[in-house]
N, C-alpha and C. Protein backbone atom coordinates (compact mmCIF):
# COMPACT_ATOMS: atom_id res chain seq x y z
N MET A 1 -14.74 -19.86 -5.83
CA MET A 1 -14.38 -19.04 -4.69
C MET A 1 -15.59 -18.98 -3.76
N THR A 2 -15.33 -19.17 -2.48
CA THR A 2 -16.41 -19.09 -1.51
C THR A 2 -16.63 -17.65 -1.09
N GLU A 3 -17.75 -17.41 -0.42
CA GLU A 3 -18.00 -16.08 0.12
C GLU A 3 -16.93 -15.71 1.15
N GLY A 4 -16.49 -16.70 1.92
CA GLY A 4 -15.41 -16.47 2.89
C GLY A 4 -14.13 -16.01 2.21
N HIS A 5 -13.79 -16.66 1.08
CA HIS A 5 -12.61 -16.24 0.31
C HIS A 5 -12.77 -14.80 -0.16
N ALA A 6 -13.94 -14.48 -0.71
CA ALA A 6 -14.20 -13.14 -1.25
C ALA A 6 -14.06 -12.09 -0.15
N ASN A 7 -14.64 -12.36 1.01
CA ASN A 7 -14.56 -11.42 2.13
C ASN A 7 -13.10 -11.25 2.59
N TYR A 8 -12.38 -12.35 2.67
CA TYR A 8 -10.98 -12.31 3.09
C TYR A 8 -10.16 -11.46 2.13
N ILE A 9 -10.34 -11.68 0.82
CA ILE A 9 -9.58 -10.93 -0.19
C ILE A 9 -9.94 -9.45 -0.13
N GLU A 10 -11.23 -9.13 -0.01
CA GLU A 10 -11.64 -7.73 0.07
C GLU A 10 -11.03 -7.05 1.29
N GLU A 11 -11.03 -7.73 2.44
CA GLU A 11 -10.43 -7.16 3.65
C GLU A 11 -8.93 -6.96 3.47
N ALA A 12 -8.27 -7.91 2.79
CA ALA A 12 -6.83 -7.79 2.55
C ALA A 12 -6.54 -6.58 1.67
N VAL A 13 -7.34 -6.36 0.64
CA VAL A 13 -7.15 -5.20 -0.24
C VAL A 13 -7.37 -3.92 0.56
N MET A 14 -8.37 -3.89 1.40
CA MET A 14 -8.66 -2.69 2.19
C MET A 14 -7.52 -2.39 3.19
N ARG A 15 -6.77 -3.42 3.59
CA ARG A 15 -5.60 -3.22 4.47
C ARG A 15 -4.36 -2.84 3.65
N LYS A 16 -4.51 -2.85 2.32
CA LYS A 16 -3.41 -2.58 1.39
C LYS A 16 -2.35 -3.67 1.38
N ASP A 17 -2.78 -4.93 1.60
CA ASP A 17 -1.87 -6.06 1.41
C ASP A 17 -1.60 -6.19 -0.09
N SER A 18 -0.42 -6.64 -0.45
CA SER A 18 -0.14 -6.96 -1.84
C SER A 18 -0.78 -8.31 -2.16
N VAL A 19 -1.24 -8.46 -3.40
CA VAL A 19 -1.96 -9.67 -3.81
C VAL A 19 -1.28 -10.26 -5.04
N ILE A 20 -0.92 -11.55 -4.95
CA ILE A 20 -0.32 -12.27 -6.07
C ILE A 20 -1.27 -13.41 -6.42
N ILE A 21 -1.75 -13.40 -7.66
CA ILE A 21 -2.72 -14.41 -8.11
C ILE A 21 -1.96 -15.43 -8.97
N SER A 22 -1.96 -16.68 -8.52
CA SER A 22 -1.13 -17.72 -9.12
C SER A 22 -1.97 -18.82 -9.75
N GLY A 23 -1.50 -19.32 -10.89
CA GLY A 23 -2.15 -20.43 -11.58
C GLY A 23 -2.03 -20.27 -13.09
N HIS A 24 -2.65 -21.15 -13.83
CA HIS A 24 -2.67 -21.03 -15.29
C HIS A 24 -3.79 -20.08 -15.71
N LYS A 25 -3.65 -19.49 -16.88
CA LYS A 25 -4.69 -18.55 -17.35
C LYS A 25 -6.05 -19.23 -17.46
N GLY A 26 -6.09 -20.50 -17.79
CA GLY A 26 -7.35 -21.23 -17.88
C GLY A 26 -7.98 -21.53 -16.52
N PHE A 27 -7.29 -21.16 -15.46
CA PHE A 27 -7.80 -21.41 -14.11
C PHE A 27 -8.55 -20.21 -13.54
N GLY A 28 -8.78 -19.19 -14.36
CA GLY A 28 -9.55 -18.03 -13.91
C GLY A 28 -8.74 -16.93 -13.26
N ILE A 29 -7.42 -16.91 -13.47
CA ILE A 29 -6.61 -15.90 -12.78
C ILE A 29 -6.82 -14.49 -13.33
N LEU A 30 -7.09 -14.38 -14.63
CA LEU A 30 -7.28 -13.03 -15.19
C LEU A 30 -8.58 -12.38 -14.72
N PRO A 31 -9.73 -13.10 -14.73
CA PRO A 31 -10.95 -12.50 -14.18
C PRO A 31 -10.82 -12.18 -12.68
N LEU A 32 -10.11 -13.06 -11.95
CA LEU A 32 -9.91 -12.80 -10.52
C LEU A 32 -9.06 -11.55 -10.32
N MET A 33 -8.01 -11.41 -11.13
CA MET A 33 -7.18 -10.19 -11.03
C MET A 33 -8.01 -8.95 -11.34
N ALA A 34 -8.87 -9.04 -12.35
CA ALA A 34 -9.72 -7.89 -12.70
C ALA A 34 -10.64 -7.53 -11.54
N THR A 35 -11.18 -8.52 -10.88
CA THR A 35 -12.09 -8.27 -9.75
C THR A 35 -11.34 -7.65 -8.57
N VAL A 36 -10.19 -8.22 -8.23
CA VAL A 36 -9.40 -7.70 -7.11
C VAL A 36 -8.95 -6.27 -7.43
N SER A 37 -8.55 -6.04 -8.67
CA SER A 37 -8.12 -4.70 -9.09
C SER A 37 -9.26 -3.69 -9.01
N ALA A 38 -10.48 -4.12 -9.35
CA ALA A 38 -11.65 -3.23 -9.28
C ALA A 38 -11.91 -2.81 -7.83
N VAL A 39 -11.74 -3.72 -6.89
CA VAL A 39 -11.92 -3.38 -5.47
C VAL A 39 -10.87 -2.34 -5.07
N ALA A 40 -9.62 -2.58 -5.47
CA ALA A 40 -8.55 -1.63 -5.14
C ALA A 40 -8.80 -0.27 -5.79
N LYS A 41 -9.22 -0.30 -7.06
CA LYS A 41 -9.42 0.94 -7.81
C LYS A 41 -10.53 1.80 -7.22
N SER A 42 -11.55 1.16 -6.65
CA SER A 42 -12.66 1.93 -6.09
C SER A 42 -12.31 2.55 -4.73
N ASN A 43 -11.16 2.17 -4.17
CA ASN A 43 -10.80 2.66 -2.83
C ASN A 43 -9.45 3.35 -2.73
N PHE A 44 -8.59 3.18 -3.73
CA PHE A 44 -7.23 3.68 -3.63
C PHE A 44 -6.76 4.29 -4.95
N LYS A 45 -5.62 4.98 -4.89
CA LYS A 45 -4.99 5.50 -6.09
C LYS A 45 -4.22 4.36 -6.76
N ILE A 46 -4.56 4.10 -8.02
CA ILE A 46 -4.04 2.96 -8.76
C ILE A 46 -3.13 3.42 -9.90
N LYS A 47 -2.11 2.60 -10.21
CA LYS A 47 -1.28 2.84 -11.38
C LYS A 47 -1.12 1.52 -12.13
N GLN A 48 -1.56 1.49 -13.38
CA GLN A 48 -1.36 0.33 -14.24
C GLN A 48 0.11 0.32 -14.68
N VAL A 49 0.81 -0.75 -14.42
CA VAL A 49 2.23 -0.84 -14.73
C VAL A 49 2.42 -1.53 -16.08
N LYS A 50 3.08 -0.83 -16.99
CA LYS A 50 3.40 -1.39 -18.30
C LYS A 50 4.91 -1.51 -18.47
N GLY A 51 5.66 -0.87 -17.57
CA GLY A 51 7.12 -0.92 -17.60
C GLY A 51 7.69 -0.41 -16.29
N PHE A 52 8.98 -0.55 -16.13
CA PHE A 52 9.65 -0.17 -14.87
C PHE A 52 9.41 1.29 -14.49
N GLU A 53 9.37 2.18 -15.49
CA GLU A 53 9.22 3.60 -15.21
C GLU A 53 7.88 3.91 -14.53
N ASP A 54 6.87 3.06 -14.71
CA ASP A 54 5.57 3.30 -14.08
C ASP A 54 5.63 3.18 -12.56
N LEU A 55 6.63 2.48 -12.04
CA LEU A 55 6.78 2.38 -10.59
C LEU A 55 7.28 3.69 -9.98
N ASN A 56 7.70 4.63 -10.82
CA ASN A 56 8.11 5.95 -10.32
C ASN A 56 6.91 6.85 -10.04
N ASP A 57 5.76 6.53 -10.63
CA ASP A 57 4.55 7.31 -10.39
C ASP A 57 3.98 6.94 -9.03
N GLU A 58 3.46 7.93 -8.34
CA GLU A 58 2.89 7.70 -7.01
C GLU A 58 1.57 6.94 -7.12
N ALA A 59 1.42 5.91 -6.27
CA ALA A 59 0.18 5.12 -6.23
C ALA A 59 0.12 4.34 -4.93
N ASP A 60 -1.11 4.02 -4.52
CA ASP A 60 -1.29 3.13 -3.38
C ASP A 60 -1.11 1.68 -3.82
N TYR A 61 -1.63 1.39 -5.02
CA TYR A 61 -1.54 0.05 -5.60
C TYR A 61 -1.00 0.14 -7.02
N TYR A 62 -0.06 -0.74 -7.33
CA TYR A 62 0.42 -0.91 -8.70
C TYR A 62 -0.20 -2.18 -9.25
N LEU A 63 -0.80 -2.09 -10.42
CA LEU A 63 -1.40 -3.25 -11.07
C LEU A 63 -0.41 -3.76 -12.11
N ILE A 64 0.11 -4.96 -11.87
CA ILE A 64 1.11 -5.55 -12.75
C ILE A 64 0.46 -6.77 -13.40
N ALA A 65 -0.06 -6.56 -14.59
CA ALA A 65 -0.87 -7.59 -15.25
C ALA A 65 -0.02 -8.47 -16.17
N ASP A 66 -0.66 -8.92 -17.22
CA ASP A 66 -0.09 -9.88 -18.17
C ASP A 66 0.83 -9.15 -19.15
N LEU A 67 2.07 -8.92 -18.75
CA LEU A 67 3.03 -8.20 -19.58
C LEU A 67 3.97 -9.18 -20.28
N SER A 68 4.43 -8.80 -21.47
CA SER A 68 5.41 -9.62 -22.17
C SER A 68 6.63 -8.76 -22.49
N ASN A 69 7.70 -9.40 -22.87
CA ASN A 69 8.95 -8.71 -23.23
C ASN A 69 9.47 -7.82 -22.10
N ILE A 70 9.40 -8.33 -20.87
CA ILE A 70 9.90 -7.59 -19.72
C ILE A 70 10.38 -8.60 -18.69
N ASP A 71 11.37 -8.22 -17.89
CA ASP A 71 11.84 -9.08 -16.81
C ASP A 71 10.81 -8.98 -15.67
N TYR A 72 9.82 -9.85 -15.73
CA TYR A 72 8.68 -9.79 -14.81
C TYR A 72 9.14 -9.97 -13.36
N ALA A 73 10.07 -10.89 -13.12
CA ALA A 73 10.56 -11.11 -11.76
C ALA A 73 11.22 -9.86 -11.20
N LYS A 74 12.00 -9.17 -12.03
CA LYS A 74 12.64 -7.92 -11.57
C LYS A 74 11.59 -6.84 -11.32
N LEU A 75 10.56 -6.80 -12.15
CA LEU A 75 9.49 -5.83 -11.95
C LEU A 75 8.78 -6.08 -10.62
N ILE A 76 8.51 -7.34 -10.31
CA ILE A 76 7.89 -7.69 -9.02
C ILE A 76 8.83 -7.31 -7.88
N THR A 77 10.12 -7.61 -8.04
CA THR A 77 11.10 -7.25 -7.01
C THR A 77 11.10 -5.75 -6.76
N ASP A 78 11.10 -4.97 -7.83
CA ASP A 78 11.09 -3.51 -7.68
C ASP A 78 9.81 -3.04 -6.98
N ALA A 79 8.69 -3.69 -7.27
CA ALA A 79 7.42 -3.33 -6.61
C ALA A 79 7.46 -3.68 -5.13
N VAL A 80 8.05 -4.82 -4.79
CA VAL A 80 8.20 -5.21 -3.39
C VAL A 80 9.06 -4.19 -2.64
N LEU A 81 10.12 -3.71 -3.30
CA LEU A 81 11.04 -2.77 -2.67
C LEU A 81 10.47 -1.36 -2.55
N LYS A 82 9.42 -1.06 -3.27
CA LYS A 82 8.83 0.29 -3.27
C LYS A 82 8.15 0.54 -1.92
N ALA A 83 8.58 1.56 -1.22
CA ALA A 83 8.05 1.87 0.11
C ALA A 83 6.63 2.41 0.03
N ASP A 84 5.86 2.14 1.04
CA ASP A 84 4.52 2.71 1.20
C ASP A 84 3.60 2.45 0.01
N SER A 85 3.72 1.29 -0.61
CA SER A 85 2.83 0.94 -1.70
C SER A 85 2.64 -0.56 -1.74
N SER A 86 1.63 -0.97 -2.47
CA SER A 86 1.30 -2.38 -2.63
C SER A 86 1.12 -2.67 -4.10
N PHE A 87 0.95 -3.94 -4.43
CA PHE A 87 0.74 -4.29 -5.82
C PHE A 87 -0.20 -5.49 -5.94
N ILE A 88 -0.76 -5.63 -7.12
CA ILE A 88 -1.57 -6.78 -7.49
C ILE A 88 -0.92 -7.33 -8.75
N SER A 89 -0.56 -8.62 -8.73
CA SER A 89 0.15 -9.19 -9.87
C SER A 89 -0.26 -10.63 -10.13
N LEU A 90 0.29 -11.16 -11.21
CA LEU A 90 0.08 -12.55 -11.60
C LEU A 90 1.34 -13.36 -11.34
N LYS A 91 1.16 -14.65 -11.21
CA LYS A 91 2.27 -15.62 -11.23
C LYS A 91 1.72 -16.81 -11.99
N ASP A 92 2.21 -17.00 -13.22
CA ASP A 92 1.71 -18.07 -14.06
C ASP A 92 2.87 -18.61 -14.91
N PRO A 93 2.64 -19.64 -15.72
CA PRO A 93 3.75 -20.17 -16.53
C PRO A 93 4.39 -19.13 -17.45
N ASP A 94 3.66 -18.12 -17.88
CA ASP A 94 4.24 -17.07 -18.70
C ASP A 94 5.03 -16.07 -17.87
N HIS A 95 4.79 -16.04 -16.57
CA HIS A 95 5.45 -15.10 -15.65
C HIS A 95 5.93 -15.86 -14.41
N PRO A 96 6.90 -16.77 -14.59
CA PRO A 96 7.36 -17.57 -13.45
C PRO A 96 8.39 -16.82 -12.60
N TYR A 97 8.25 -16.93 -11.32
CA TYR A 97 9.23 -16.37 -10.38
C TYR A 97 8.97 -16.99 -9.03
N SER A 98 9.94 -16.92 -8.15
CA SER A 98 9.79 -17.44 -6.80
C SER A 98 9.41 -16.30 -5.87
N VAL A 99 8.18 -16.33 -5.38
CA VAL A 99 7.70 -15.30 -4.46
C VAL A 99 8.60 -15.26 -3.22
N LEU A 100 8.88 -16.43 -2.66
CA LEU A 100 9.65 -16.47 -1.42
C LEU A 100 11.08 -15.96 -1.62
N LYS A 101 11.71 -16.28 -2.75
CA LYS A 101 13.05 -15.78 -3.03
C LYS A 101 13.05 -14.26 -3.16
N ILE A 102 12.06 -13.73 -3.89
CA ILE A 102 11.98 -12.27 -4.06
C ILE A 102 11.80 -11.58 -2.71
N LEU A 103 10.92 -12.11 -1.87
CA LEU A 103 10.70 -11.49 -0.57
C LEU A 103 11.95 -11.57 0.31
N GLY A 104 12.64 -12.71 0.27
CA GLY A 104 13.88 -12.85 1.03
C GLY A 104 14.96 -11.90 0.53
N ASP A 105 15.10 -11.80 -0.78
CA ASP A 105 16.10 -10.88 -1.36
C ASP A 105 15.76 -9.43 -1.01
N ALA A 106 14.48 -9.08 -1.06
CA ALA A 106 14.07 -7.71 -0.74
C ALA A 106 14.40 -7.38 0.72
N TYR A 107 14.17 -8.33 1.61
CA TYR A 107 14.49 -8.10 3.02
C TYR A 107 15.98 -7.82 3.20
N LYS A 108 16.82 -8.56 2.46
CA LYS A 108 18.27 -8.36 2.57
C LYS A 108 18.67 -6.95 2.10
N ILE A 109 17.89 -6.39 1.18
CA ILE A 109 18.18 -5.05 0.66
C ILE A 109 17.70 -3.95 1.59
N ASN A 110 16.43 -4.07 2.06
CA ASN A 110 15.86 -2.94 2.82
C ASN A 110 15.45 -3.27 4.26
N GLY A 111 15.45 -4.54 4.64
CA GLY A 111 15.10 -4.91 6.01
C GLY A 111 13.65 -4.65 6.38
N ASN A 112 12.80 -4.38 5.40
CA ASN A 112 11.39 -4.06 5.68
C ASN A 112 10.62 -5.32 6.05
N THR A 113 9.96 -5.27 7.20
CA THR A 113 9.12 -6.39 7.65
C THR A 113 7.66 -5.97 7.78
N SER A 114 7.31 -4.79 7.28
CA SER A 114 5.96 -4.26 7.51
C SER A 114 4.93 -4.70 6.48
N LYS A 115 5.37 -5.19 5.33
CA LYS A 115 4.40 -5.51 4.27
C LYS A 115 3.80 -6.90 4.44
N VAL A 116 2.57 -7.04 3.93
CA VAL A 116 1.84 -8.30 3.98
C VAL A 116 1.50 -8.68 2.54
N TYR A 117 1.69 -9.96 2.21
CA TYR A 117 1.43 -10.46 0.87
C TYR A 117 0.40 -11.58 0.95
N GLN A 118 -0.53 -11.56 0.03
CA GLN A 118 -1.53 -12.62 -0.07
C GLN A 118 -1.28 -13.37 -1.38
N LEU A 119 -0.94 -14.64 -1.28
CA LEU A 119 -0.71 -15.49 -2.46
C LEU A 119 -1.98 -16.31 -2.67
N ILE A 120 -2.69 -16.02 -3.75
CA ILE A 120 -3.94 -16.70 -4.06
C ILE A 120 -3.67 -17.73 -5.14
N GLU A 121 -3.89 -18.99 -4.84
CA GLU A 121 -3.60 -20.07 -5.79
C GLU A 121 -4.89 -20.60 -6.39
N CYS A 122 -4.90 -20.66 -7.72
CA CYS A 122 -6.07 -21.14 -8.46
C CYS A 122 -5.74 -22.44 -9.17
N VAL A 123 -6.73 -23.33 -9.24
CA VAL A 123 -6.59 -24.62 -9.92
C VAL A 123 -7.85 -24.88 -10.74
N LYS A 124 -7.82 -25.97 -11.48
CA LYS A 124 -9.01 -26.40 -12.20
C LYS A 124 -9.29 -27.84 -11.75
N VAL A 125 -10.52 -28.07 -11.24
CA VAL A 125 -10.93 -29.39 -10.78
C VAL A 125 -12.13 -29.82 -11.61
N ASP A 126 -12.01 -30.96 -12.28
CA ASP A 126 -13.07 -31.46 -13.15
C ASP A 126 -13.53 -30.40 -14.15
N GLY A 127 -12.56 -29.64 -14.68
CA GLY A 127 -12.86 -28.64 -15.69
C GLY A 127 -13.39 -27.32 -15.15
N VAL A 128 -13.47 -27.18 -13.83
CA VAL A 128 -14.02 -25.97 -13.22
C VAL A 128 -12.91 -25.20 -12.50
N PRO A 129 -12.67 -23.93 -12.91
CA PRO A 129 -11.66 -23.13 -12.20
C PRO A 129 -12.09 -22.88 -10.76
N GLN A 130 -11.12 -23.01 -9.85
CA GLN A 130 -11.42 -22.82 -8.43
C GLN A 130 -10.25 -22.13 -7.72
N LEU A 131 -10.58 -21.42 -6.67
CA LEU A 131 -9.56 -20.87 -5.79
C LEU A 131 -9.23 -21.99 -4.81
N SER A 132 -7.98 -22.44 -4.81
CA SER A 132 -7.64 -23.59 -3.97
C SER A 132 -7.07 -23.21 -2.61
N LYS A 133 -6.33 -22.09 -2.57
CA LYS A 133 -5.68 -21.74 -1.30
C LYS A 133 -5.28 -20.27 -1.31
N ILE A 134 -5.35 -19.67 -0.13
CA ILE A 134 -4.81 -18.32 0.07
C ILE A 134 -3.78 -18.43 1.18
N THR A 135 -2.58 -17.95 0.90
CA THR A 135 -1.51 -17.98 1.90
C THR A 135 -1.07 -16.54 2.18
N GLN A 136 -1.15 -16.16 3.45
CA GLN A 136 -0.64 -14.85 3.87
C GLN A 136 0.83 -15.02 4.20
N ILE A 137 1.65 -14.15 3.61
CA ILE A 137 3.10 -14.22 3.83
C ILE A 137 3.56 -12.89 4.44
N THR A 138 4.22 -13.00 5.57
CA THR A 138 4.82 -11.84 6.22
C THR A 138 6.28 -12.18 6.54
N MET A 139 6.99 -11.22 7.04
CA MET A 139 8.39 -11.41 7.41
C MET A 139 8.52 -11.01 8.87
N ASN A 140 9.12 -11.90 9.68
CA ASN A 140 9.30 -11.53 11.09
C ASN A 140 10.52 -10.64 11.25
N GLU A 141 10.76 -10.21 12.48
CA GLU A 141 11.84 -9.25 12.73
C GLU A 141 13.23 -9.80 12.42
N ASN A 142 13.34 -11.14 12.30
CA ASN A 142 14.63 -11.75 11.96
C ASN A 142 14.77 -12.03 10.46
N GLY A 143 13.79 -11.59 9.68
CA GLY A 143 13.85 -11.80 8.24
C GLY A 143 13.38 -13.17 7.79
N LYS A 144 12.73 -13.90 8.68
CA LYS A 144 12.19 -15.22 8.33
C LYS A 144 10.77 -15.05 7.81
N LEU A 145 10.47 -15.79 6.71
CA LEU A 145 9.12 -15.73 6.15
C LEU A 145 8.15 -16.51 7.04
N VAL A 146 6.99 -15.91 7.26
CA VAL A 146 5.94 -16.55 8.04
C VAL A 146 4.75 -16.73 7.12
N LYS A 147 4.33 -17.99 6.92
CA LYS A 147 3.21 -18.29 6.02
C LYS A 147 2.05 -18.86 6.82
N VAL A 148 0.86 -18.29 6.56
CA VAL A 148 -0.35 -18.76 7.22
C VAL A 148 -1.41 -18.97 6.15
N ASP A 149 -1.94 -20.19 6.06
CA ASP A 149 -2.98 -20.49 5.08
C ASP A 149 -4.34 -20.11 5.61
N PHE A 150 -5.17 -19.52 4.72
CA PHE A 150 -6.54 -19.18 5.07
C PHE A 150 -7.42 -20.36 4.75
């Protein structure tokens, strides 16, 4: 991760953008999630999500980590639909879901275009975990997804 990436991610957290960290566990997604969560925790009210009922607790950020035995895609959908809050989550082979489908489905339910999502993609190059791309995803007034790569 470059200093530019780090600054961009920190600014996104401070704006309360939702952050989705994507890749395999061996690509450094868990340490990156811990770091992003620490930034959020030092500035906002946080709730660690272990099940659907945790989304009922008030928080600025919901931390949706490496959970098993749960419909992870539905949990992410419920977090997207939660008004006035953001989340930090994973997207990996153990937790596969379509970010774009969830955002499109959520728009059809609530018509909300105010939220901003940062999709951080991690890879491994020559055995070294790296942040490969950050994509900002928003929804325009017509419900179309707008993606901008950093």
